[in-house]
Amino acid sequence: MFALEDFVLHKPTGRLGKVIGYGHQILNGVYMTTLKVLVSEASDCEKKGFVKEDLYSAWIQAVKS
């Protein structure tokens, strides 16, 4: 599990952000853990600073340099 303030990378989109919370979604009757991430780096056409929530499995640990 990622800790609050950890930097994570969204595998499908490449967005980098910081974990600010947790949540859940119900998929096929099963609770799935989600991460709430404050996006700090995104492509030019996307806004920085928005909160992205997606399944925990869609994120990987990242190191912000």
N, C-alpha and C. Protein backbone atom coordinates (compact mmCIF):
# COMPACT_ATOMS: atom_id res chain seq x y z
N MET A 1 0.86 -1.17 0.00
CA MET A 1 0.00 0.00 0.00
C MET A 1 0.89 1.23 0.00
N PHE A 2 0.53 2.21 -0.77
CA PHE A 2 1.27 3.46 -0.79
C PHE A 2 0.89 4.29 0.43
N ALA A 3 1.84 5.03 0.95
CA ALA A 3 1.60 5.92 2.09
C ALA A 3 1.18 7.29 1.57
N LEU A 4 0.51 8.05 2.42
CA LEU A 4 0.20 9.43 2.07
C LEU A 4 1.51 10.16 1.80
N GLU A 5 1.50 11.05 0.84
CA GLU A 5 2.65 11.85 0.41
C GLU A 5 3.61 11.09 -0.50
N ASP A 6 3.40 9.79 -0.75
CA ASP A 6 4.23 9.05 -1.70
C ASP A 6 3.97 9.57 -3.11
N PHE A 7 4.99 9.58 -3.94
CA PHE A 7 4.82 9.92 -5.34
C PHE A 7 4.52 8.65 -6.11
N VAL A 8 3.52 8.73 -6.98
CA VAL A 8 3.09 7.58 -7.76
C VAL A 8 2.93 7.97 -9.22
N LEU A 9 3.02 6.99 -10.08
CA LEU A 9 2.89 7.18 -11.52
C LEU A 9 1.69 6.37 -12.01
N HIS A 10 0.80 7.02 -12.76
CA HIS A 10 -0.38 6.36 -13.31
C HIS A 10 0.05 5.61 -14.56
N LYS A 11 0.01 4.28 -14.50
CA LYS A 11 0.52 3.45 -15.60
C LYS A 11 -0.13 3.75 -16.95
N PRO A 12 -1.46 3.85 -17.04
CA PRO A 12 -2.07 4.08 -18.36
C PRO A 12 -1.76 5.44 -18.99
N THR A 13 -1.59 6.49 -18.17
CA THR A 13 -1.44 7.84 -18.74
C THR A 13 -0.07 8.46 -18.53
N GLY A 14 0.71 7.93 -17.59
CA GLY A 14 2.02 8.51 -17.30
C GLY A 14 1.96 9.72 -16.39
N ARG A 15 0.81 10.01 -15.81
CA ARG A 15 0.70 11.16 -14.90
C ARG A 15 1.44 10.86 -13.60
N LEU A 16 2.14 11.86 -13.08
CA LEU A 16 2.87 11.75 -11.82
C LEU A 16 2.16 12.60 -10.79
N GLY A 17 2.03 12.08 -9.59
CA GLY A 17 1.39 12.85 -8.55
C GLY A 17 1.70 12.33 -7.17
N LYS A 18 1.07 12.96 -6.16
CA LYS A 18 1.30 12.62 -4.77
C LYS A 18 0.00 12.08 -4.17
N VAL A 19 0.12 10.97 -3.44
CA VAL A 19 -1.05 10.36 -2.80
C VAL A 19 -1.56 11.28 -1.70
N ILE A 20 -2.86 11.63 -1.79
CA ILE A 20 -3.45 12.50 -0.78
C ILE A 20 -4.62 11.83 -0.06
N GLY A 21 -4.97 10.61 -0.49
CA GLY A 21 -6.06 9.92 0.18
C GLY A 21 -6.36 8.59 -0.47
N TYR A 22 -7.33 7.93 0.10
CA TYR A 22 -7.75 6.61 -0.37
C TYR A 22 -9.26 6.62 -0.54
N GLY A 23 -9.75 5.68 -1.29
CA GLY A 23 -11.19 5.54 -1.48
C GLY A 23 -11.49 4.11 -1.90
N HIS A 24 -12.67 3.93 -2.45
CA HIS A 24 -13.04 2.61 -2.96
C HIS A 24 -14.09 2.75 -4.05
N GLN A 25 -14.15 1.74 -4.89
CA GLN A 25 -15.18 1.61 -5.90
C GLN A 25 -15.73 0.20 -5.78
N ILE A 26 -16.98 0.03 -6.14
CA ILE A 26 -17.55 -1.31 -6.17
C ILE A 26 -17.61 -1.75 -7.63
N LEU A 27 -16.87 -2.80 -7.94
CA LEU A 27 -16.84 -3.37 -9.28
C LEU A 27 -17.26 -4.83 -9.20
N ASN A 28 -18.31 -5.17 -9.89
CA ASN A 28 -18.84 -6.55 -9.87
C ASN A 28 -19.11 -7.02 -8.45
N GLY A 29 -19.61 -6.13 -7.61
CA GLY A 29 -19.96 -6.49 -6.24
C GLY A 29 -18.79 -6.60 -5.29
N VAL A 30 -17.60 -6.17 -5.71
CA VAL A 30 -16.41 -6.27 -4.88
C VAL A 30 -15.85 -4.86 -4.64
N TYR A 31 -15.51 -4.56 -3.37
CA TYR A 31 -14.88 -3.29 -3.06
C TYR A 31 -13.44 -3.31 -3.54
N MET A 32 -13.07 -2.32 -4.34
CA MET A 32 -11.71 -2.19 -4.85
C MET A 32 -11.12 -0.89 -4.31
N THR A 33 -9.89 -0.95 -3.82
CA THR A 33 -9.22 0.22 -3.27
C THR A 33 -8.82 1.18 -4.39
N THR A 34 -9.03 2.46 -4.13
CA THR A 34 -8.61 3.50 -5.07
C THR A 34 -7.64 4.44 -4.36
N LEU A 35 -6.87 5.15 -5.16
CA LEU A 35 -5.99 6.19 -4.64
C LEU A 35 -6.50 7.54 -5.12
N LYS A 36 -6.42 8.52 -4.25
CA LYS A 36 -6.69 9.90 -4.64
C LYS A 36 -5.34 10.58 -4.73
N VAL A 37 -5.04 11.08 -5.92
CA VAL A 37 -3.70 11.60 -6.21
C VAL A 37 -3.80 13.03 -6.70
N LEU A 38 -2.99 13.91 -6.12
CA LEU A 38 -2.88 15.28 -6.60
C LEU A 38 -1.84 15.26 -7.71
N VAL A 39 -2.29 15.49 -8.93
CA VAL A 39 -1.41 15.38 -10.09
C VAL A 39 -0.48 16.58 -10.14
N SER A 40 0.82 16.29 -10.18
CA SER A 40 1.81 17.37 -10.20
C SER A 40 2.47 17.51 -11.56
N GLU A 41 2.43 16.45 -12.36
CA GLU A 41 3.00 16.52 -13.70
C GLU A 41 2.05 15.83 -14.67
N ALA A 42 1.70 16.54 -15.72
CA ALA A 42 0.80 16.01 -16.74
C ALA A 42 1.23 16.58 -18.09
N SER A 43 0.70 16.02 -19.16
CA SER A 43 1.04 16.54 -20.48
C SER A 43 0.53 17.97 -20.62
N ASP A 44 1.04 18.68 -21.61
CA ASP A 44 0.71 20.09 -21.78
C ASP A 44 -0.79 20.36 -21.92
N CYS A 45 -1.53 19.42 -22.47
CA CYS A 45 -2.95 19.67 -22.71
C CYS A 45 -3.81 19.34 -21.49
N GLU A 46 -3.21 18.86 -20.41
CA GLU A 46 -3.96 18.52 -19.21
C GLU A 46 -3.60 19.49 -18.09
N LYS A 47 -4.52 19.66 -17.17
CA LYS A 47 -4.29 20.58 -16.06
C LYS A 47 -3.49 19.90 -14.95
N LYS A 48 -2.54 20.64 -14.41
CA LYS A 48 -1.81 20.19 -13.23
C LYS A 48 -2.61 20.60 -12.02
N GLY A 49 -2.45 19.90 -10.93
CA GLY A 49 -3.09 20.29 -9.69
C GLY A 49 -4.47 19.71 -9.49
N PHE A 50 -4.97 18.90 -10.41
CA PHE A 50 -6.28 18.30 -10.19
C PHE A 50 -6.12 16.96 -9.49
N VAL A 51 -7.18 16.49 -8.88
CA VAL A 51 -7.15 15.22 -8.16
C VAL A 51 -7.68 14.12 -9.06
N LYS A 52 -6.89 13.08 -9.18
CA LYS A 52 -7.24 11.92 -9.99
C LYS A 52 -7.49 10.77 -9.03
N GLU A 53 -8.61 10.09 -9.18
CA GLU A 53 -8.89 8.90 -8.38
C GLU A 53 -9.03 7.72 -9.33
N ASP A 54 -8.29 6.68 -9.05
CA ASP A 54 -8.33 5.50 -9.89
C ASP A 54 -7.96 4.29 -9.05
N LEU A 55 -8.20 3.12 -9.60
CA LEU A 55 -7.89 1.89 -8.88
C LEU A 55 -6.43 1.85 -8.45
N TYR A 56 -6.20 1.32 -7.29
CA TYR A 56 -4.85 1.20 -6.73
C TYR A 56 -3.92 0.50 -7.71
N SER A 57 -4.43 -0.51 -8.40
CA SER A 57 -3.61 -1.31 -9.32
C SER A 57 -3.14 -0.53 -10.54
N ALA A 58 -3.70 0.65 -10.79
CA ALA A 58 -3.32 1.46 -11.94
C ALA A 58 -2.10 2.34 -11.66
N TRP A 59 -1.60 2.31 -10.43
CA TRP A 59 -0.50 3.18 -10.01
C TRP A 59 0.73 2.37 -9.62
N ILE A 60 1.92 2.96 -9.83
CA ILE A 60 3.16 2.36 -9.37
C ILE A 60 3.95 3.42 -8.61
N GLN A 61 4.85 2.95 -7.75
CA GLN A 61 5.70 3.85 -6.98
C GLN A 61 6.59 4.65 -7.92
N ALA A 62 6.76 5.93 -7.64
CA ALA A 62 7.61 6.78 -8.46
C ALA A 62 8.55 7.55 -7.55
N VAL A 63 9.65 7.95 -8.10
CA VAL A 63 10.60 8.78 -7.35
C VAL A 63 10.65 10.13 -8.04
N LYS A 64 10.30 11.17 -7.31
CA LYS A 64 10.32 12.52 -7.89
C LYS A 64 11.73 13.07 -7.75
N SER A 65 12.29 13.47 -8.88
CA SER A 65 13.67 14.00 -8.83
C SER A 65 13.69 15.50 -8.81
